[in-house]
Amino acid sequence: MDLNLDENENLKARIKQLEHERNELQKDIEQLCMQQGGPSILGVATRMHFQRTASLEQEIESLKLKLATCTREKHNLQEELAEAYRVKAQLADLHAGEVAKNLEAEKQVRFFQGSVAAAFSERDKSVMEAEKAEENAEMMSQKLGEIEMRLEELSSDCLVQKRLNDTLQADLAKLEEQTRTYAEVIEKFYNIRKASLCESLEMSLHNKCACLLDDPIESWTFNDPSTSEYVAALEGELGKVKNTVDNLQSKLRVGLEIENHLKKRVRALEKKNIVADRLIVNGITDIRHHHSQLRAYIIDLLNEEGLYIKSISKNVEDKLKLHSSEIQNVVPLQHDFKPDESECRDVHITTVVESCQVTKLAEASISKIMAESRGDASEALAQALQEKVGALLLLSQQEERHLHEENVNAALQQKVDELQRNILQVTNEKVRTLMELAQLRQEYQSLREYDTIL
């Protein structure tokens, strides 16, 4: 932008200088015409004056056109530079987003590594517990052998007890029949007593028994203490058996609750793994879609910039052709001046020398202006091309960085998938060992309780 401003200022200063030189030349020609005072020299001077003024006006107009084209090119370059900066800002934002995503992925990897380490430590603990449980299982197997022998003995005792229970049940049935008969007997005896004592009160069976017991022994005797104690002992054993059955049922419920809890936990872990897989797959698809869009955008931008550079090169070639045509137009002007000089050979020698010097100065100024305009245009074009090349290199570097980040993200994704597979395997092993451990503990507790009951 500074170079374009300097170029515009130089062109404006050059235009002012040329206008000033034109005015001075007009004044010099008028003075020469006034000094000579001849009619022939006046015509020659006027023709030279008109030719020079026309050439200077053409040059001024061409310079003004060049100034307008330079300003337009400056505005276009400013807009393109602003667009490039805007694209650069967008790419910087995208890069910052990708860096944030990479940091988040690294945090997730660290978290998964920590969880894997914790899972491995838990697996080791569970393995140690499983080994201890195996040792306990061996001890319990030995105890089970002893308990089986004891169970055989107890089963034989139980058969004996069953037989005794059968006999007791038969005895109990007999006793119930006897109690019914005894109640009938009590009713009969009480009716006899009531009839003998002439009593009309209605009493319960218990009161009737109390009344009969108050009577002397000779009239009534009842109650066998040996059978009542035996029945009470049988009722106590029956209560103990019911308590053991209730304890075993409660332990079975606890085992079922533990199994259901572990199943729910396994389902929750499976759901979490499914959700995590979906999130990772969606993130990968979004990154690929974004990469494809960015790549297409960069390719379109490179194509547009290539077309623009081609158009600039064509404009430069056209300008060079125009400059070459202008130079060719300047050469015939010098040939046109020769017959004018031949016509006015009779004029004083000093006027011819002065006119030659003026033409040489004009030609030198024109060549200088052409060289400066060509140099400024080439410098502006070179600067614009350098800026374009820098912007394209920056875009290519950012695309390479983006591809590198995508490769890193893919590697991280593979590592995360591998860690998830390891975590799933460890959790399955942990659940399996915990189930086995819970089953062994349940069996151990049941055996201990059964041992304590025995």
Protein backbone atom coordinates (compact mmCIF):
# COMPACT_ATOMS: atom_id res chain seq x y z
CA MET A 1 0.00 0.00 0.00
CA ASP A 2 2.83 2.42 0.84
CA LEU A 3 4.52 1.70 -2.49
CA ASN A 4 1.27 2.35 -4.38
CA LEU A 5 0.82 5.66 -2.53
CA ASP A 6 4.41 6.66 -3.33
CA GLU A 7 3.86 5.71 -6.97
CA ASN A 8 0.68 7.82 -7.17
CA GLU A 9 2.43 10.79 -5.57
CA ASN A 10 5.37 10.45 -7.98
CA LEU A 11 3.01 10.33 -10.96
CA LYS A 12 1.12 13.39 -9.77
CA ALA A 13 4.38 15.28 -9.21
CA ARG A 14 5.57 14.24 -12.65
CA ILE A 15 2.34 15.49 -14.24
CA LYS A 16 2.71 18.84 -12.49
CA GLN A 17 6.34 19.05 -13.62
CA LEU A 18 5.37 18.32 -17.23
CA GLU A 19 2.63 20.94 -17.14
CA HIS A 20 5.13 23.42 -15.73
CA GLU A 21 7.65 22.53 -18.48
CA ARG A 22 4.91 22.89 -21.08
CA ASN A 23 4.09 26.37 -19.81
CA GLU A 24 7.78 27.31 -19.82
CA LEU A 25 8.18 25.99 -23.37
CA GLN A 26 5.19 28.03 -24.48
CA LYS A 27 6.73 31.12 -22.92
CA ASP A 28 10.13 30.41 -24.57
CA ILE A 29 8.49 29.91 -27.97
CA GLU A 30 6.55 33.15 -27.62
CA GLN A 31 9.73 35.01 -26.68
CA LEU A 32 11.58 33.52 -29.68
CA CYS A 33 8.77 34.47 -31.97
CA MET A 34 8.76 37.98 -30.58
CA GLN A 35 12.54 38.26 -31.01
CA GLN A 36 12.63 37.01 -34.60
CA GLY A 37 9.49 38.77 -35.66
CA GLY A 38 9.40 37.04 -39.04
CA PRO A 39 6.28 35.43 -40.49
CA SER A 40 8.00 32.20 -41.54
CA ILE A 41 9.56 31.51 -38.15
CA LEU A 42 6.20 32.25 -36.52
CA GLY A 43 4.50 29.47 -38.48
CA VAL A 44 7.28 27.03 -37.72
CA ALA A 45 7.19 27.93 -34.06
CA THR A 46 3.43 27.58 -33.90
CA ARG A 47 3.58 24.16 -35.58
CA MET A 48 6.28 23.01 -33.20
CA HIS A 49 4.33 24.45 -30.33
CA PHE A 50 1.15 22.65 -31.36
CA GLN A 51 3.01 19.38 -31.96
CA ARG A 52 4.74 19.56 -28.59
CA THR A 53 1.60 20.57 -26.78
CA ALA A 54 -0.32 17.75 -28.47
CA SER A 55 2.35 15.21 -27.58
CA LEU A 56 2.51 16.53 -24.04
CA GLU A 57 -1.28 16.42 -23.72
CA GLN A 58 -1.32 12.87 -25.06
CA GLU A 59 1.38 11.94 -22.61
CA ILE A 60 -0.52 13.62 -19.79
CA GLU A 61 -3.70 11.77 -20.75
CA SER A 62 -1.83 8.47 -20.97
CA LEU A 63 -0.28 9.15 -17.57
CA LYS A 64 -3.71 9.99 -16.17
CA LEU A 65 -5.06 6.73 -17.60
CA LYS A 66 -2.12 4.89 -16.09
CA LEU A 67 -2.80 6.63 -12.78
CA ALA A 68 -6.45 5.53 -12.92
CA THR A 69 -5.46 1.95 -13.76
CA CYS A 70 -2.90 1.98 -10.96
CA THR A 71 -5.51 3.22 -8.50
CA ARG A 72 -7.91 0.53 -9.66
CA GLU A 73 -5.21 -2.09 -9.34
CA LYS A 74 -4.36 -0.70 -5.92
CA HIS A 75 -7.99 -1.04 -4.81
CA ASN A 76 -8.19 -4.54 -6.25
CA LEU A 77 -4.96 -5.53 -4.53
CA GLN A 78 -6.20 -4.04 -1.26
CA GLU A 79 -9.43 -6.02 -1.54
CA GLU A 80 -7.51 -9.20 -2.37
CA LEU A 81 -5.13 -8.56 0.51
CA ALA A 82 -8.08 -8.04 2.86
CA GLU A 83 -9.64 -11.26 1.56
CA ALA A 84 -6.33 -13.08 2.11
CA TYR A 85 -6.12 -11.71 5.66
CA ARG A 86 -9.71 -12.76 6.27
CA VAL A 87 -8.94 -16.26 5.00
CA LYS A 88 -5.84 -16.25 7.17
CA ALA A 89 -7.95 -15.32 10.23
CA GLN A 90 -10.45 -18.07 9.41
CA LEU A 91 -7.66 -20.60 9.04
CA ALA A 92 -6.13 -19.38 12.31
CA ASP A 93 -9.51 -19.90 14.03
CA LEU A 94 -9.77 -23.37 12.51
CA HIS A 95 -6.23 -24.13 13.63
CA ALA A 96 -7.05 -22.96 17.16
CA GLY A 97 -10.16 -25.18 17.15
CA GLU A 98 -8.12 -28.16 15.97
CA VAL A 99 -5.49 -27.49 18.65
CA ALA A 100 -8.24 -27.36 21.28
CA LYS A 101 -9.65 -30.65 19.94
CA ASN A 102 -6.18 -32.20 20.08
CA LEU A 103 -5.76 -31.05 23.68
CA GLU A 104 -9.17 -32.49 24.55
CA ALA A 105 -8.24 -35.76 22.83
CA GLU A 106 -4.95 -35.87 24.78
CA LYS A 107 -6.88 -35.31 28.02
CA GLN A 108 -9.23 -38.15 27.10
CA VAL A 109 -6.25 -40.37 26.30
CA ARG A 110 -4.68 -39.56 29.69
CA PHE A 111 -8.02 -40.26 31.37
CA PHE A 112 -8.35 -43.58 29.54
CA GLN A 113 -4.76 -44.48 30.42
CA GLY A 114 -5.49 -43.76 34.08
CA SER A 115 -8.68 -45.80 33.92
CA VAL A 116 -6.80 -48.65 32.22
CA ALA A 117 -4.12 -48.54 34.91
CA ALA A 118 -6.84 -48.56 37.59
CA ALA A 119 -8.57 -51.43 35.80
CA PHE A 120 -5.31 -53.38 35.62
CA SER A 121 -4.69 -52.77 39.33
CA GLU A 122 -8.23 -53.89 40.11
CA ARG A 123 -7.70 -56.92 37.89
CA ASP A 124 -4.52 -57.77 39.80
CA LYS A 125 -6.38 -57.36 43.08
CA SER A 126 -9.19 -59.52 41.79
CA VAL A 127 -6.65 -62.12 40.64
CA MET A 128 -5.08 -62.10 44.11
CA GLU A 129 -8.52 -62.42 45.64
CA ALA A 130 -9.32 -65.23 43.20
CA GLU A 131 -6.12 -67.03 44.21
CA LYS A 132 -7.01 -66.60 47.85
CA ALA A 133 -10.50 -67.77 47.02
CA GLU A 134 -9.03 -70.84 45.29
CA GLU A 135 -6.95 -71.56 48.38
CA ASN A 136 -10.04 -71.11 50.49
CA ALA A 137 -11.91 -73.31 48.03
CA GLU A 138 -9.30 -76.04 48.46
CA MET A 139 -9.59 -75.72 52.21
CA MET A 140 -13.33 -75.70 51.84
CA SER A 141 -13.16 -78.78 49.63
CA GLN A 142 -11.32 -80.56 52.42
CA LYS A 143 -13.87 -79.31 54.88
CA LEU A 144 -16.58 -80.32 52.43
CA GLY A 145 -15.22 -83.85 52.47
CA GLU A 146 -15.41 -83.85 56.24
CA ILE A 147 -18.81 -82.24 56.11
CA GLU A 148 -20.04 -84.81 53.58
CA MET A 149 -18.96 -87.57 55.91
CA ARG A 150 -20.70 -85.78 58.71
CA LEU A 151 -23.69 -85.26 56.45
CA GLU A 152 -23.85 -88.96 55.79
CA GLU A 153 -23.81 -89.56 59.51
CA LEU A 154 -26.40 -86.87 60.01
CA SER A 155 -28.49 -88.22 57.15
CA SER A 156 -28.56 -91.57 58.89
CA ASP A 157 -29.47 -89.79 62.11
CA CYS A 158 -32.07 -87.83 60.17
CA LEU A 159 -33.60 -91.05 58.90
CA VAL A 160 -33.75 -92.24 62.44
CA GLN A 161 -35.30 -88.94 63.48
CA LYS A 162 -37.79 -89.20 60.62
CA ARG A 163 -38.78 -92.60 61.81
CA LEU A 164 -39.10 -91.21 65.30
CA ASN A 165 -41.14 -88.31 63.93
CA ASP A 166 -43.41 -90.74 62.16
CA THR A 167 -43.87 -92.67 65.35
CA LEU A 168 -44.40 -89.40 67.21
CA GLN A 169 -46.96 -88.27 64.69
CA ALA A 170 -48.77 -91.55 65.11
CA ASP A 171 -48.55 -91.09 68.86
CA LEU A 172 -49.79 -87.52 68.44
CA ALA A 173 -52.77 -88.68 66.46
CA LYS A 174 -53.47 -91.20 69.13
CA LEU A 175 -53.14 -88.48 71.77
CA GLU A 176 -55.51 -86.22 69.88
CA GLU A 177 -58.02 -89.02 69.75
CA GLN A 178 -57.42 -89.54 73.43
CA THR A 179 -57.92 -85.81 74.14
CA ARG A 180 -61.21 -85.92 72.30
CA THR A 181 -62.24 -88.94 74.28
CA TYR A 182 -60.99 -87.23 77.44
CA ALA A 183 -63.08 -84.16 76.62
CA GLU A 184 -66.10 -86.37 76.18
CA VAL A 185 -65.24 -88.08 79.44
CA ILE A 186 -64.86 -84.68 81.16
CA GLU A 187 -68.22 -83.62 79.80
CA LYS A 188 -69.78 -86.79 81.03
CA PHE A 189 -68.15 -86.55 84.44
CA TYR A 190 -69.07 -82.89 84.75
CA ASN A 191 -72.63 -83.63 83.75
CA ILE A 192 -72.70 -86.36 86.37
CA ARG A 193 -71.19 -83.94 88.92
CA LYS A 194 -73.64 -81.22 87.92
CA ALA A 195 -76.50 -83.64 88.17
CA SER A 196 -75.30 -84.86 91.53
CA LEU A 197 -74.71 -81.35 92.91
CA CYS A 198 -77.79 -79.89 91.21
CA GLU A 199 -75.81 -77.04 89.56
CA SER A 200 -77.13 -75.24 86.49
CA LEU A 201 -74.16 -72.94 85.61
CA GLU A 202 -72.70 -73.13 82.08
CA MET A 203 -68.88 -73.21 82.18
CA SER A 204 -66.06 -73.61 79.74
CA LEU A 205 -64.12 -76.80 79.37
CA HIS A 206 -61.17 -75.30 81.27
CA ASN A 207 -63.33 -74.30 84.17
CA LYS A 208 -64.92 -77.69 84.05
CA CYS A 209 -61.48 -79.28 84.26
CA ALA A 210 -60.58 -76.97 87.15
CA CYS A 211 -63.67 -77.95 88.99
CA LEU A 212 -62.99 -81.61 88.42
CA LEU A 213 -59.37 -81.17 89.55
CA ASP A 214 -60.55 -79.57 92.75
CA ASP A 215 -62.40 -82.73 93.47
CA PRO A 216 -60.57 -85.42 95.42
CA ILE A 217 -58.16 -87.82 93.65
CA GLU A 218 -60.42 -90.73 94.08
CA SER A 219 -63.04 -89.13 91.85
CA TRP A 220 -60.68 -87.99 88.99
CA THR A 221 -57.00 -88.17 87.95
CA PHE A 222 -55.33 -86.57 84.74
CA ASN A 223 -52.12 -85.09 83.21
CA ASP A 224 -48.99 -87.03 82.02
CA PRO A 225 -45.78 -84.88 82.40
CA SER A 226 -43.50 -87.11 80.26
CA THR A 227 -45.54 -86.70 77.06
CA SER A 228 -45.86 -82.88 77.47
CA GLU A 229 -42.10 -82.43 77.81
CA TYR A 230 -41.51 -84.59 74.73
CA VAL A 231 -43.99 -82.54 72.69
CA ALA A 232 -42.31 -79.26 73.81
CA ALA A 233 -38.89 -80.59 72.69
CA LEU A 234 -40.29 -81.52 69.29
CA GLU A 235 -41.78 -78.05 68.89
CA GLY A 236 -38.38 -76.45 69.72
CA GLU A 237 -36.62 -78.55 67.08
CA LEU A 238 -39.30 -77.60 64.55
CA GLY A 239 -38.71 -73.87 65.27
CA LYS A 240 -34.95 -74.29 64.76
CA VAL A 241 -35.52 -75.97 61.40
CA LYS A 242 -37.80 -73.09 60.33
CA ASN A 243 -35.13 -70.52 61.35
CA THR A 244 -32.45 -72.28 59.28
CA VAL A 245 -34.77 -72.35 56.26
CA ASP A 246 -35.45 -68.60 56.64
CA ASN A 247 -31.70 -67.83 56.86
CA LEU A 248 -30.97 -69.84 53.72
CA GLN A 249 -33.76 -68.06 51.83
CA SER A 250 -32.45 -64.62 52.90
CA LYS A 251 -28.95 -65.53 51.72
CA LEU A 252 -30.35 -66.71 48.41
CA ARG A 253 -32.15 -63.37 48.02
CA VAL A 254 -28.90 -61.47 48.75
CA GLY A 255 -27.07 -63.53 46.11
CA LEU A 256 -29.79 -62.82 43.54
CA GLU A 257 -29.68 -59.10 44.34
CA ILE A 258 -25.88 -59.07 43.87
CA GLU A 259 -26.25 -60.88 40.55
CA ASN A 260 -28.92 -58.42 39.34
CA HIS A 261 -26.76 -55.46 40.43
CA LEU A 262 -23.77 -56.81 38.50
CA LYS A 263 -25.94 -57.40 35.42
CA LYS A 264 -27.25 -53.82 35.59
CA ARG A 265 -23.71 -52.50 35.92
CA VAL A 266 -22.55 -54.54 32.91
CA ARG A 267 -25.47 -53.19 30.85
CA ALA A 268 -24.68 -49.60 31.88
CA LEU A 269 -21.02 -50.08 30.90
CA GLU A 270 -22.07 -51.52 27.53
CA LYS A 271 -24.38 -48.54 26.92
CA LYS A 272 -21.58 -46.11 27.83
CA ASN A 273 -19.19 -47.87 25.44
CA ILE A 274 -21.80 -47.71 22.65
CA VAL A 275 -22.36 -43.97 23.25
CA ALA A 276 -18.60 -43.32 23.29
CA ASP A 277 -18.15 -45.23 20.01
CA ARG A 278 -20.94 -43.21 18.40
CA LEU A 279 -19.42 -39.91 19.58
CA ILE A 280 -15.99 -40.88 18.25
CA VAL A 281 -17.41 -41.98 14.87
CA ASN A 282 -19.43 -38.76 14.56
CA GLY A 283 -16.33 -36.68 15.41
CA ILE A 284 -14.27 -38.48 12.77
CA THR A 285 -16.97 -37.95 10.12
CA ASP A 286 -17.22 -34.25 11.01
CA ILE A 287 -13.43 -33.84 10.76
CA ARG A 288 -13.35 -35.59 7.37
CA HIS A 289 -16.22 -33.48 6.05
CA HIS A 290 -14.54 -30.30 7.27
CA HIS A 291 -11.24 -31.37 5.68
CA SER A 292 -12.94 -32.06 2.34
CA GLN A 293 -14.68 -28.67 2.43
CA LEU A 294 -11.45 -26.86 3.31
CA ARG A 295 -9.52 -28.71 0.61
CA ALA A 296 -12.15 -27.83 -2.02
CA TYR A 297 -12.12 -24.22 -0.86
CA ILE A 298 -8.31 -24.02 -1.09
CA ILE A 299 -8.31 -25.64 -4.56
CA ASP A 300 -10.94 -23.13 -5.77
CA LEU A 301 -8.92 -20.29 -4.27
CA LEU A 302 -5.73 -21.49 -5.97
CA ASN A 303 -7.57 -21.75 -9.30
CA GLU A 304 -8.96 -18.23 -8.90
CA GLU A 305 -5.51 -16.89 -8.00
CA GLY A 306 -3.99 -18.65 -11.02
CA LEU A 307 -6.60 -17.07 -13.30
CA TYR A 308 -5.97 -13.70 -11.69
CA ILE A 309 -2.19 -14.01 -12.18
CA LYS A 310 -2.77 -14.97 -15.83
CA SER A 311 -4.98 -11.90 -16.28
CA ILE A 312 -2.30 -9.70 -14.65
CA SER A 313 0.36 -11.17 -16.95
CA LYS A 314 -1.88 -10.46 -19.97
CA ASN A 315 -2.40 -6.87 -18.77
CA VAL A 316 1.36 -6.46 -18.36
CA GLU A 317 1.94 -7.77 -21.88
CA ASP A 318 -0.70 -5.37 -23.23
CA LYS A 319 0.95 -2.48 -21.38
CA LEU A 320 4.35 -3.43 -22.74
CA LYS A 321 2.90 -3.54 -26.25
CA LEU A 322 1.36 -0.09 -25.69
CA HIS A 323 4.71 1.26 -24.46
CA SER A 324 6.49 -0.20 -27.47
CA SER A 325 3.89 1.35 -29.83
CA GLU A 326 4.31 4.73 -28.10
CA ILE A 327 8.08 4.51 -28.56
CA GLN A 328 7.55 3.71 -32.22
CA ASN A 329 5.24 6.76 -32.49
CA VAL A 330 7.91 9.00 -30.93
CA VAL A 331 10.51 8.00 -33.57
CA PRO A 332 8.49 9.32 -36.59
CA LEU A 333 8.02 12.63 -34.81
CA GLN A 334 11.77 13.14 -34.90
CA HIS A 335 11.74 12.45 -38.66
CA ASP A 336 8.93 14.97 -39.11
CA PHE A 337 11.02 17.71 -37.58
CA LYS A 338 13.73 17.49 -40.32
CA PRO A 339 11.84 19.18 -43.22
CA ASP A 340 10.82 21.98 -40.89
CA GLU A 341 14.45 22.60 -40.09
CA SER A 342 15.35 22.51 -43.81
CA GLU A 343 12.72 25.14 -44.57
CA CYS A 344 14.08 27.57 -42.01
CA ARG A 345 17.81 27.29 -42.78
CA ASP A 346 17.90 30.92 -43.53
CA VAL A 347 17.02 31.74 -39.92
CA HIS A 348 19.74 32.71 -37.57
CA ILE A 349 22.04 29.89 -36.37
CA THR A 350 21.32 30.56 -32.70
CA THR A 351 17.59 29.80 -33.06
CA VAL A 352 18.35 26.43 -34.71
CA VAL A 353 20.73 25.47 -31.93
CA GLU A 354 18.20 26.44 -29.26
CA SER A 355 15.40 24.48 -30.95
CA CYS A 356 17.65 21.38 -31.17
CA GLN A 357 18.45 21.65 -27.48
CA VAL A 358 14.73 21.93 -26.63
CA THR A 359 13.89 18.81 -28.67
CA LYS A 360 16.70 16.88 -27.02
CA LEU A 361 15.45 17.90 -23.57
CA ALA A 362 11.89 16.85 -24.47
CA GLU A 363 13.06 13.49 -25.80
CA ALA A 364 15.16 12.90 -22.68
CA SER A 365 12.22 13.77 -20.41
CA ILE A 366 9.89 11.47 -22.38
CA SER A 367 12.35 8.56 -22.20
CA LYS A 368 12.84 9.18 -18.49
CA ILE A 369 9.07 9.19 -17.88
CA MET A 370 8.67 5.96 -19.84
CA ALA A 371 11.47 4.26 -17.90
CA GLU A 372 10.06 5.41 -14.56
CA SER A 373 6.54 4.30 -15.45
CA ARG A 374 7.84 0.90 -16.60
CA GLY A 375 9.94 0.50 -13.44
CA ASP A 376 7.04 1.47 -11.16
CA ALA A 377 4.63 -0.85 -12.96
CA SER A 378 7.09 -3.75 -12.82
CA GLU A 379 7.79 -3.12 -9.12
CA ALA A 380 4.06 -3.01 -8.30
CA LEU A 381 3.45 -6.18 -10.29
CA ALA A 382 6.39 -7.94 -8.61
CA GLN A 383 5.14 -6.88 -5.18
CA ALA A 384 1.61 -8.10 -5.96
CA LEU A 385 2.96 -11.40 -7.24
CA GLN A 386 5.12 -11.80 -4.12
CA GLU A 387 2.09 -11.16 -1.90
CA LYS A 388 0.03 -13.68 -3.86
CA VAL A 389 2.80 -16.29 -3.68
CA GLY A 390 3.19 -15.67 0.07
CA ALA A 391 -0.55 -16.09 0.62
CA LEU A 392 -0.59 -19.31 -1.43
CA LEU A 393 2.42 -20.67 0.47
CA LEU A 394 0.71 -19.83 3.75
CA LEU A 395 -2.43 -21.65 2.60
CA SER A 396 -0.40 -24.70 1.53
CA GLN A 397 1.45 -24.74 4.87
CA GLN A 398 -1.83 -24.52 6.76
CA GLU A 399 -3.28 -27.33 4.66
CA GLU A 400 -0.22 -29.49 5.39
CA ARG A 401 -0.56 -28.66 9.10
CA HIS A 402 -4.24 -29.57 8.94
CA LEU A 403 -3.43 -32.91 7.26
CA HIS A 404 -0.77 -33.60 9.91
CA GLU A 405 -3.30 -32.85 12.65
CA GLU A 406 -5.79 -35.18 10.97
CA ASN A 407 -3.18 -37.95 10.91
CA VAL A 408 -2.45 -37.31 14.60
CA ASN A 409 -6.18 -37.40 15.35
CA ALA A 410 -6.52 -40.69 13.46
CA ALA A 411 -3.63 -42.19 15.45
CA LEU A 412 -5.18 -40.94 18.69
CA GLN A 413 -8.52 -42.41 17.63
CA GLN A 414 -6.91 -45.79 17.00
CA LYS A 415 -5.23 -45.62 20.40
CA VAL A 416 -8.53 -44.68 22.07
CA ASP A 417 -10.28 -47.60 20.36
CA GLU A 418 -7.55 -49.96 21.52
CA LEU A 419 -7.82 -48.60 25.07
CA GLN A 420 -11.59 -49.04 25.00
CA ARG A 421 -11.19 -52.64 23.85
CA ASN A 422 -8.70 -53.25 26.67
CA ILE A 423 -11.06 -51.63 29.18
CA LEU A 424 -13.96 -53.75 27.95
CA GLN A 425 -11.86 -56.91 28.20
CA VAL A 426 -10.66 -55.98 31.69
CA THR A 427 -14.20 -55.15 32.84
CA ASN A 428 -15.48 -58.48 31.50
CA GLU A 429 -12.70 -60.34 33.30
CA LYS A 430 -13.38 -58.33 36.44
CA VAL A 431 -17.11 -59.07 36.31
CA ARG A 432 -16.40 -62.76 35.72
CA THR A 433 -13.97 -62.96 38.65
CA LEU A 434 -16.35 -60.98 40.89
CA MET A 435 -19.19 -63.36 40.01
CA GLU A 436 -17.00 -66.36 40.79
CA LEU A 437 -15.82 -64.73 44.01
CA ALA A 438 -19.38 -63.90 45.08
CA GLN A 439 -20.46 -67.46 44.33
CA LEU A 440 -17.54 -68.87 46.34
CA ARG A 441 -18.29 -66.51 49.23
CA GLN A 442 -21.94 -67.48 49.17
CA GLU A 443 -21.05 -71.17 49.22
CA TYR A 444 -18.52 -70.55 51.98
CA GLN A 445 -21.03 -68.64 54.10
CA SER A 446 -23.71 -71.26 53.52
CA LEU A 447 -21.29 -74.00 54.57
CA ARG A 448 -20.22 -72.05 57.65
CA GLU A 449 -23.81 -71.45 58.65
CA TYR A 450 -24.67 -75.06 58.05
CA ASP A 451 -21.62 -76.02 60.13
CA THR A 452 -22.70 -73.72 62.95
CA ILE A 453 -26.23 -75.14 62.78
CA LEU A 454 -24.85 -78.64 63.08
